[in-house]
Amino acid sequence: MSRPEVVPFGDEHLDGAAALLAARHARHRAAEPLLAERYEDAASARAEIELAWREDGASGAAALREGRLAGYLIGAPRAKTWGENVWIEAAGHAVEDAENVRDLYALAAGSWVEQGNTRHYAVVPAHDAELLDAWWRLGFGQQQAHGIREVPSTVEVSIPEGLEIRPPREEDVEQLIDVDVALPDHQRASPVFGGYSWSRDDSRGEWERTLADSEETILIGWQGSRPVACWSFSPADRSPEHRGLTRPDHACTLGFAATVPASRGSGIGVALTQAGLAWAAQEGYPVMLTDWRVTNLLASRFWPRRGFRTSFLRLYRSIP
């Protein structure tokens, strides 16, 4: 197949892009049926593309074959906490031929790098091996996995001897800080090398806000009088990581999970996951989401064993 003509993306490409995205999502739902069905409809798909296209600083590319749209790519910067960046969200790309994503990126990325935006992120369906291969051959690697699983109607919660699970209380905050900082401490270590820091003062303030939040459900694993693990659940529509095509209808998210090093392997994480699924079933959620850094060896092994399937992968490339 001949290479397409690649031009800057414009409003005139929105209808064709919507058809491509709706078709891509239908293929994705054949592999992962828990995803939202409505994005198989071109009108719903177009609404997501328009959100990406109307972001501040958005730009992109369109691939034309005999005057017909055969692919598109849209990216836009996020907050500077991600560095000098551009994000290609889940609705930000779809192609007829996976190879064409390389042509689209070649046009779009030139202007991004000229503007100093050298950190590039792309959210890609995990089922599409050919599309992922095209991104690999652009120098991208896996950074984050989006996990998805059904919520069973009944869940047995088995808590190891000597441990218990209960919600946090205001008087627990100083002890809970030790659990809270365990995750960023772990993420900064090899082989994750995550860059963010989280001080005890940061944690204290976050706990005070969290305990005043009626929509977040916190479960704490205790060993005697000492908290050793924390799992947090909330409606998925509050999650900045799970939005648009990545978020099923009526889903909840497991947004935070941390265990102090001495208690890893004790079974408290399994018990907290079971307790969270039991809570979700009681609340009527059919689907639970979570996400993890793929370089976090503990997380990338633990969550698939708890039944979470990878639905999307966040890919990353840094231009020297």
Protein backbone atom coordinates (compact mmCIF):
# COMPACT_ATOMS: atom_id res chain seq x y z
CA MET A 1 0.00 0.00 0.00
CA SER A 2 1.37 3.41 -0.96
CA ARG A 3 2.19 5.94 1.72
CA PRO A 4 -0.56 8.48 2.34
CA GLU A 5 -0.29 12.23 2.00
CA VAL A 6 0.23 13.68 5.50
CA VAL A 7 -1.04 17.19 6.25
CA PRO A 8 -1.74 19.26 9.38
CA PHE A 9 -4.97 18.24 11.13
CA GLY A 10 -7.92 20.64 10.80
CA ASP A 11 -11.63 20.88 11.54
CA GLU A 12 -12.43 19.43 8.12
CA HIS A 13 -10.97 16.10 9.29
CA LEU A 14 -13.20 15.66 12.36
CA ASP A 15 -15.92 13.57 10.73
CA GLY A 16 -13.45 11.18 9.14
CA ALA A 17 -11.51 10.95 12.40
CA ALA A 18 -14.71 10.07 14.27
CA ALA A 19 -15.41 7.17 11.92
CA LEU A 20 -11.86 5.85 12.36
CA LEU A 21 -11.97 6.13 16.13
CA ALA A 22 -15.39 4.47 16.39
CA ALA A 23 -14.10 1.55 14.29
CA ARG A 24 -10.94 1.28 16.42
CA HIS A 25 -12.99 1.25 19.60
CA ALA A 26 -15.30 -1.47 18.24
CA ARG A 27 -12.25 -3.65 17.61
CA HIS A 28 -11.00 -2.85 21.10
CA ARG A 29 -14.33 -3.80 22.68
CA ALA A 30 -14.23 -7.14 20.89
CA ALA A 31 -11.10 -7.83 22.95
CA GLU A 32 -12.22 -5.98 26.12
CA PRO A 33 -16.04 -5.79 26.31
CA LEU A 34 -16.07 -3.91 29.64
CA LEU A 35 -15.17 -0.69 27.82
CA ALA A 36 -18.01 1.76 27.12
CA GLU A 37 -20.08 0.76 24.10
CA ARG A 38 -21.15 4.30 23.23
CA TYR A 39 -17.80 5.19 21.64
CA GLU A 40 -18.55 2.75 18.85
CA ASP A 41 -20.94 5.50 17.72
CA ALA A 42 -19.23 8.10 15.53
CA ALA A 43 -21.00 11.03 17.22
CA SER A 44 -19.70 10.02 20.67
CA ALA A 45 -16.25 9.36 19.23
CA ARG A 46 -16.25 12.78 17.56
CA ALA A 47 -17.09 14.49 20.86
CA GLU A 48 -13.96 12.96 22.43
CA ILE A 49 -11.81 13.95 19.48
CA GLU A 50 -13.10 17.51 19.69
CA LEU A 51 -12.17 17.66 23.37
CA ALA A 52 -8.61 16.71 22.45
CA TRP A 53 -8.54 19.11 19.47
CA ARG A 54 -9.82 22.07 21.51
CA GLU A 55 -7.18 21.70 24.23
CA ASP A 56 -4.83 24.67 24.57
CA GLY A 57 -1.84 24.19 22.30
CA ALA A 58 -3.31 21.20 20.45
CA SER A 59 -1.93 20.30 17.03
CA GLY A 60 -1.78 17.22 14.90
CA ALA A 61 -1.62 15.51 11.55
CA ALA A 62 -4.00 13.82 9.12
CA ALA A 63 -3.22 11.05 6.64
CA LEU A 64 -5.08 11.24 3.32
CA ARG A 65 -5.36 8.47 0.76
CA GLU A 66 -7.09 9.42 -2.50
CA GLY A 67 -8.73 12.33 -0.69
CA ARG A 68 -10.10 10.11 2.11
CA LEU A 69 -8.95 10.31 5.73
CA ALA A 70 -6.93 7.18 6.54
CA GLY A 71 -5.55 8.26 9.92
CA TYR A 72 -5.11 11.14 12.34
CA LEU A 73 -3.07 12.11 15.39
CA ILE A 74 -3.65 14.96 17.87
CA GLY A 75 -1.48 15.99 20.80
CA ALA A 76 -1.54 18.77 23.40
CA PRO A 77 0.56 19.78 26.40
CA ARG A 78 -0.46 18.96 29.97
CA ALA A 79 0.69 20.61 33.19
CA LYS A 80 4.42 21.29 33.52
CA THR A 81 4.65 18.69 36.28
CA TRP A 82 5.06 16.29 33.32
CA GLY A 83 8.00 18.32 31.99
CA GLU A 84 7.97 19.99 28.57
CA ASN A 85 5.38 17.60 27.24
CA VAL A 86 2.76 16.64 24.68
CA TRP A 87 0.05 14.03 25.32
CA ILE A 88 -1.69 11.96 22.68
CA GLU A 89 -4.76 10.80 24.59
CA ALA A 90 -6.78 7.65 23.89
CA ALA A 91 -9.04 9.58 21.49
CA GLY A 92 -6.07 11.37 19.94
CA HIS A 93 -5.18 8.85 17.26
CA ALA A 94 -6.68 6.20 14.99
CA VAL A 95 -5.46 4.76 11.69
CA GLU A 96 -6.55 2.28 9.05
CA ASP A 97 -3.00 0.98 8.70
CA ALA A 98 -0.87 0.85 11.87
CA GLU A 99 2.26 1.84 9.96
CA ASN A 100 0.72 5.24 9.16
CA VAL A 101 0.92 6.32 12.81
CA ARG A 102 4.65 6.68 12.17
CA ASP A 103 4.06 9.08 9.29
CA LEU A 104 1.58 11.08 11.36
CA TYR A 105 3.94 11.32 14.33
CA ALA A 106 6.81 12.35 12.05
CA LEU A 107 4.89 15.44 10.93
CA ALA A 108 3.36 16.37 14.28
CA ALA A 109 6.41 15.76 16.47
CA GLY A 110 8.65 18.07 14.44
CA SER A 111 6.79 21.16 15.57
CA TRP A 112 6.46 19.86 19.15
CA VAL A 113 10.21 19.48 19.50
CA GLU A 114 10.85 22.84 17.83
CA GLN A 115 8.64 24.36 20.55
CA GLY A 116 10.72 22.64 23.24
CA ASN A 117 8.13 19.97 24.10
CA THR A 118 10.40 16.95 24.15
CA ARG A 119 8.52 14.53 26.43
CA HIS A 120 5.85 12.68 24.48
CA TYR A 121 3.11 10.46 25.90
CA ALA A 122 0.61 8.29 23.99
CA VAL A 123 -2.31 6.26 25.37
CA VAL A 124 -2.74 3.19 23.14
CA PRO A 125 -5.16 0.21 23.17
CA ALA A 126 -3.30 -2.71 24.70
CA HIS A 127 -4.92 -5.36 22.47
CA ASP A 128 -3.56 -3.97 19.17
CA ALA A 129 -0.17 -5.60 18.65
CA GLU A 130 0.42 -3.99 15.23
CA LEU A 131 -0.36 -0.50 16.50
CA LEU A 132 1.86 -0.96 19.54
CA ASP A 133 4.66 -2.22 17.31
CA ALA A 134 4.42 0.94 15.23
CA TRP A 135 4.80 3.04 18.39
CA TRP A 136 7.74 0.89 19.57
CA ARG A 137 9.46 1.64 16.24
CA LEU A 138 9.05 5.35 16.95
CA GLY A 139 11.16 4.98 20.08
CA PHE A 140 8.30 4.77 22.59
CA GLY A 141 8.29 2.39 25.54
CA GLN A 142 5.73 1.29 28.09
CA GLN A 143 5.32 3.53 31.13
CA GLN A 144 1.88 2.93 32.67
CA ALA A 145 -0.74 0.19 32.41
CA HIS A 146 -4.48 0.80 32.77
CA GLY A 147 -6.11 -2.20 34.45
CA ILE A 148 -9.75 -3.29 34.27
CA ARG A 149 -11.77 -6.12 35.78
CA GLU A 150 -15.31 -7.19 36.59
CA VAL A 151 -16.68 -6.79 40.10
CA PRO A 152 -18.08 -10.15 41.27
CA SER A 153 -21.56 -10.20 42.79
CA THR A 154 -20.16 -11.81 45.94
CA VAL A 155 -16.62 -11.64 47.31
CA GLU A 156 -15.10 -13.60 50.18
CA VAL A 157 -12.71 -11.49 52.24
CA SER A 158 -9.97 -13.52 53.90
CA ILE A 159 -7.90 -11.49 56.38
CA PRO A 160 -4.62 -13.04 57.58
CA GLU A 161 -4.31 -13.82 61.26
CA GLY A 162 -3.02 -10.90 63.31
CA LEU A 163 -4.28 -8.30 60.83
CA GLU A 164 -7.52 -6.36 60.52
CA ILE A 165 -9.15 -3.93 58.10
CA ARG A 166 -11.02 -0.78 59.10
CA PRO A 167 -11.50 2.81 57.89
CA PRO A 168 -9.12 5.56 59.04
CA ARG A 169 -9.93 8.01 61.83
CA GLU A 170 -8.71 11.54 62.42
CA GLU A 171 -6.55 10.44 65.33
CA ASP A 172 -4.72 7.97 63.03
CA VAL A 173 -3.29 10.59 60.68
CA GLU A 174 0.26 10.80 62.06
CA GLN A 175 0.62 7.01 61.84
CA LEU A 176 -0.98 6.89 58.39
CA ILE A 177 1.69 9.20 57.00
CA ASP A 178 4.17 6.31 57.24
CA VAL A 179 1.95 4.25 54.93
CA ASP A 180 1.31 7.15 52.57
CA VAL A 181 4.98 7.91 51.92
CA ALA A 182 5.82 4.24 51.34
CA LEU A 183 4.52 4.41 47.76
CA PRO A 184 6.54 7.42 46.50
CA ASP A 185 9.59 6.04 48.33
CA HIS A 186 9.17 2.79 46.41
CA GLN A 187 8.48 4.58 43.10
CA ARG A 188 11.69 6.62 43.38
CA ALA A 189 13.79 3.47 43.71
CA SER A 190 15.14 1.21 40.96
CA PRO A 191 13.85 0.23 38.45
CA VAL A 192 11.01 2.79 38.47
CA PHE A 193 13.06 5.95 39.17
CA GLY A 194 9.86 8.01 39.50
CA GLY A 195 10.65 11.67 39.91
CA TYR A 196 7.99 12.95 42.29
CA SER A 197 8.56 13.53 46.01
CA TRP A 198 6.00 13.50 48.82
CA SER A 199 6.88 15.02 52.18
CA ARG A 200 5.27 14.24 55.50
CA ASP A 201 3.68 17.71 55.48
CA ASP A 202 2.26 16.98 52.00
CA SER A 203 0.86 13.71 53.29
CA ARG A 204 -0.64 15.26 56.42
CA GLY A 205 -2.51 17.86 54.37
CA GLU A 206 -3.74 15.22 51.92
CA TRP A 207 -5.04 13.03 54.74
CA GLU A 208 -6.94 15.96 56.23
CA ARG A 209 -8.61 16.60 52.86
CA THR A 210 -9.26 12.91 52.28
CA LEU A 211 -10.98 12.36 55.62
CA ALA A 212 -13.35 15.22 54.75
CA ASP A 213 -14.19 13.66 51.36
CA SER A 214 -17.50 11.79 51.39
CA GLU A 215 -16.94 10.17 47.96
CA GLU A 216 -13.63 8.43 48.68
CA THR A 217 -13.66 5.11 50.51
CA ILE A 218 -10.45 4.34 52.41
CA LEU A 219 -9.59 0.93 53.84
CA ILE A 220 -6.62 0.57 56.17
CA GLY A 221 -4.84 -2.66 56.99
CA TRP A 222 -3.76 -2.79 60.62
CA GLN A 223 -1.33 -4.99 62.51
CA GLY A 224 -2.19 -4.42 66.14
CA SER A 225 -2.15 -0.67 66.72
CA ARG A 226 -0.02 0.03 63.64
CA PRO A 227 -1.36 0.79 60.12
CA VAL A 228 0.56 -1.19 57.49
CA ALA A 229 -1.40 -0.71 54.25
CA CYS A 230 -3.91 1.65 52.63
CA TRP A 231 -6.28 1.07 49.68
CA SER A 232 -8.46 3.92 48.30
CA PHE A 233 -11.57 3.64 46.11
CA SER A 234 -13.73 6.27 44.43
CA PRO A 235 -16.10 6.78 41.46
CA ALA A 236 -14.17 6.54 38.20
CA ASP A 237 -15.46 9.88 36.97
CA ARG A 238 -13.22 11.54 39.56
CA SER A 239 -10.06 9.98 38.14
CA PRO A 240 -7.79 12.12 35.93
CA GLU A 241 -6.11 8.98 34.59
CA HIS A 242 -9.29 7.16 33.53
CA ARG A 243 -11.36 9.36 31.24
CA GLY A 244 -13.05 9.24 27.89
CA LEU A 245 -12.48 5.96 26.06
CA THR A 246 -10.43 4.50 28.91
CA ARG A 247 -13.32 4.75 31.41
CA PRO A 248 -16.28 2.34 31.30
CA ASP A 249 -19.72 3.41 32.41
CA HIS A 250 -20.59 3.04 36.12
CA ALA A 251 -17.03 2.10 37.10
CA CYS A 252 -15.05 2.70 40.27
CA THR A 253 -11.31 3.13 40.61
CA LEU A 254 -8.76 1.73 42.98
CA GLY A 255 -6.78 4.93 42.97
CA PHE A 256 -4.16 4.37 45.67
CA ALA A 257 -2.56 1.28 47.19
CA ALA A 258 0.47 1.21 49.45
CA THR A 259 1.94 -1.27 51.92
CA VAL A 260 4.86 -0.58 54.24
CA PRO A 261 7.91 -2.65 53.24
CA ALA A 262 7.87 -4.88 56.34
CA SER A 263 4.32 -6.06 55.59
CA ARG A 264 4.68 -6.75 51.86
CA GLY A 265 3.94 -10.42 51.23
CA SER A 266 1.85 -10.71 54.40
CA GLY A 267 -1.43 -11.09 52.49
CA ILE A 268 -2.86 -7.76 53.62
CA GLY A 269 -2.86 -6.39 50.06
CA VAL A 270 -4.86 -9.37 48.80
CA ALA A 271 -7.32 -8.95 51.68
CA LEU A 272 -7.70 -5.21 51.03
CA THR A 273 -8.35 -5.87 47.33
CA GLN A 274 -11.00 -8.42 48.27
CA ALA A 275 -12.55 -5.94 50.70
CA GLY A 276 -12.55 -3.26 48.00
CA LEU A 277 -14.29 -5.56 45.53
CA ALA A 278 -16.85 -6.42 48.21
CA TRP A 279 -17.45 -2.69 48.77
CA ALA A 280 -17.81 -2.12 45.01
CA ALA A 281 -20.33 -4.96 44.72
CA GLN A 282 -22.36 -3.53 47.60
CA GLU A 283 -22.32 -0.08 45.93
CA GLY A 284 -23.49 -1.53 42.62
CA TYR A 285 -20.34 -0.98 40.56
CA PRO A 286 -19.93 -3.62 37.81
CA VAL A 287 -16.37 -2.62 36.89
CA MET A 288 -13.22 -1.64 38.79
CA LEU A 289 -10.22 0.17 37.30
CA THR A 290 -6.69 0.75 38.50
CA ASP A 291 -3.31 1.62 36.96
CA TRP A 292 0.34 0.98 37.68
CA ARG A 293 3.84 1.77 36.46
CA VAL A 294 5.04 -1.19 34.44
CA THR A 295 8.55 -0.73 35.87
CA ASN A 296 7.14 -1.17 39.39
CA LEU A 297 7.92 -4.86 39.73
CA LEU A 298 5.62 -5.41 42.71
CA ALA A 299 2.61 -3.65 41.18
CA SER A 300 3.03 -5.08 37.68
CA ARG A 301 2.90 -8.60 39.12
CA PHE A 302 0.35 -8.04 41.87
CA TRP A 303 -2.50 -6.43 39.92
CA PRO A 304 -2.74 -8.94 37.06
CA ARG A 305 -2.86 -11.69 39.71
CA ARG A 306 -5.82 -9.88 41.23
CA GLY A 307 -7.71 -10.20 37.94
CA PHE A 308 -6.92 -6.83 36.36
CA ARG A 309 -6.41 -7.00 32.59
CA THR A 310 -4.42 -4.32 30.78
CA SER A 311 -6.83 -2.29 28.62
CA PHE A 312 -4.60 0.63 27.59
CA LEU A 313 -0.89 1.31 27.80
CA ARG A 314 0.57 4.75 28.32
CA LEU A 315 3.71 4.97 26.22
CA TYR A 316 6.53 7.47 26.67
CA ARG A 317 9.38 8.88 24.64
CA SER A 318 11.87 11.51 25.74
CA ILE A 319 13.79 13.38 23.04
CA PRO A 320 17.36 14.12 24.21
